[in-house]
């Protein structure tokens, strides 16, 4: 999608501090971090939200989770980390391209607020 910020990042039309990339996904540092480590992991293909995902998107959605695992190790996050998908405006989704937040480096409370 031409007007999607994350699609522009995938196409290298908008800047991002890249962390990791493979054939299906891209990871970069959040510009407004909510933890010492805050990395967004996105599919390269545009999928608007979890609600818009289809069964054929399963491989890329799984890749996001496994990429988060690898990045957490590489970033030296110990003692746990949080993975968050916001789905829809009511849940705080502001960019409508699926993205997984990897947050670490500080304690987290429950419920998350």
Protein backbone atom coordinates (compact mmCIF):
# COMPACT_ATOMS: atom_id res chain seq x y z
CA UNK A 1 0.00 0.00 0.00
CA UNK A 2 1.44 3.32 -1.03
CA UNK A 3 0.24 5.32 1.98
CA UNK A 4 1.20 2.76 4.66
CA UNK A 5 4.17 3.89 6.77
CA UNK A 6 5.40 0.34 7.35
CA UNK A 7 5.13 -0.55 3.65
CA UNK A 8 7.26 2.54 2.94
CA UNK A 9 9.82 1.29 5.48
CA UNK A 10 9.87 -2.12 3.76
CA UNK A 11 10.47 -0.35 0.41
CA UNK A 12 13.16 1.85 2.06
CA UNK A 13 11.20 5.01 1.25
CA UNK A 14 10.97 5.97 4.96
CA UNK A 15 13.84 5.72 7.43
CA UNK A 16 14.02 3.14 10.20
CA UNK A 17 16.73 1.75 12.46
CA UNK A 18 16.71 -1.81 11.15
CA UNK A 19 17.48 -4.68 13.49
CA UNK A 20 16.81 -7.79 11.39
CA UNK A 21 15.37 -8.78 8.05
CA UNK A 22 14.57 -11.94 6.13
CA UNK A 23 12.42 -12.84 3.15
CA UNK A 24 9.11 -12.48 5.04
CA UNK A 25 9.68 -9.99 7.85
CA UNK A 26 11.51 -6.86 8.94
CA UNK A 27 12.34 -5.61 12.45
CA UNK A 28 13.23 -2.07 13.48
CA UNK A 29 13.46 0.05 16.63
CA UNK A 30 10.34 1.92 17.71
CA UNK A 31 10.68 5.71 17.44
CA UNK A 32 8.73 6.14 20.70
CA UNK A 33 10.10 3.34 22.90
CA UNK A 34 8.07 2.18 25.89
CA UNK A 35 10.91 0.06 27.30
CA UNK A 36 14.72 0.01 27.04
CA UNK A 37 14.28 -2.44 24.16
CA UNK A 38 11.26 -1.73 21.96
CA UNK A 39 11.40 -3.29 18.52
CA UNK A 40 8.61 -3.59 15.96
CA UNK A 41 8.49 -6.74 13.84
CA UNK A 42 6.37 -6.55 10.69
CA UNK A 43 5.53 -8.74 7.73
CA UNK A 44 6.91 -7.40 4.46
CA UNK A 45 3.53 -8.04 2.84
CA UNK A 46 0.79 -5.64 3.86
CA UNK A 47 -1.71 -7.22 6.25
CA UNK A 48 -3.86 -4.56 7.87
CA UNK A 49 -4.63 -6.25 11.19
CA UNK A 50 -5.03 -9.59 12.94
CA UNK A 51 -8.71 -9.42 11.97
CA UNK A 52 -7.69 -9.12 8.30
CA UNK A 53 -5.27 -12.08 8.43
CA UNK A 54 -6.12 -15.15 6.36
CA UNK A 55 -5.16 -18.80 6.81
CA UNK A 56 -2.46 -18.41 4.14
CA UNK A 57 -0.81 -15.72 6.33
CA UNK A 58 0.02 -18.31 8.99
CA UNK A 59 3.67 -18.78 7.91
CA UNK A 60 4.46 -15.06 8.11
CA UNK A 61 2.63 -14.62 11.41
CA UNK A 62 4.64 -17.48 12.89
CA UNK A 63 7.81 -15.91 11.50
CA UNK A 64 7.11 -12.71 13.46
CA UNK A 65 7.05 -14.66 16.72
CA UNK A 66 10.20 -16.64 15.97
CA UNK A 67 12.03 -13.50 14.83
CA UNK A 68 11.09 -11.90 18.17
CA UNK A 69 12.65 -14.86 19.98
CA UNK A 70 15.92 -14.52 18.05
CA UNK A 71 16.06 -10.74 18.49
CA UNK A 72 15.42 -11.00 22.24
CA UNK A 73 18.40 -13.33 22.53
CA UNK A 74 20.59 -11.11 20.35
CA UNK A 75 19.59 -8.02 22.35
CA UNK A 76 20.57 -9.80 25.58
CA UNK A 77 17.13 -9.51 27.14
CA UNK A 78 17.14 -11.63 30.28
CA UNK A 79 14.38 -12.32 32.77
CA UNK A 80 11.58 -12.14 30.22
CA UNK A 81 10.08 -9.87 27.61
CA UNK A 82 6.65 -8.89 26.41
CA UNK A 83 5.18 -9.46 22.94
CA UNK A 84 2.17 -7.34 22.00
CA UNK A 85 -0.17 -7.15 19.00
CA UNK A 86 -2.62 -4.26 19.13
CA UNK A 87 -5.64 -5.07 16.96
CA UNK A 88 -7.88 -2.15 16.02
CA UNK A 89 -8.20 1.43 17.20
CA UNK A 90 -9.81 0.42 20.49
CA UNK A 91 -6.71 -1.61 21.36
CA UNK A 92 -4.31 1.19 20.43
CA UNK A 93 -3.36 0.16 16.89
CA UNK A 94 -2.23 3.37 15.16
CA UNK A 95 -0.48 1.97 12.08
CA UNK A 96 -2.76 -0.40 10.19
CA UNK A 97 -0.14 -2.91 9.12
CA UNK A 98 0.23 -5.86 11.51
CA UNK A 99 3.16 -5.32 13.82
CA UNK A 100 4.46 -7.17 16.84
CA UNK A 101 5.96 -5.12 19.66
CA UNK A 102 8.95 -6.73 21.36
CA UNK A 103 9.45 -4.99 24.72
CA UNK A 104 12.18 -5.83 27.18
CA UNK A 105 14.80 -4.56 29.56
CA UNK A 106 12.47 -3.63 32.42
CA UNK A 107 9.89 -5.34 34.64
CA UNK A 108 6.29 -5.41 33.39
CA UNK A 109 3.12 -5.54 35.46
CA UNK A 110 -0.14 -7.38 34.95
CA UNK A 111 -2.69 -6.44 33.83
CA UNK A 112 -0.93 -4.35 31.18
CA UNK A 113 -3.33 -1.39 31.36
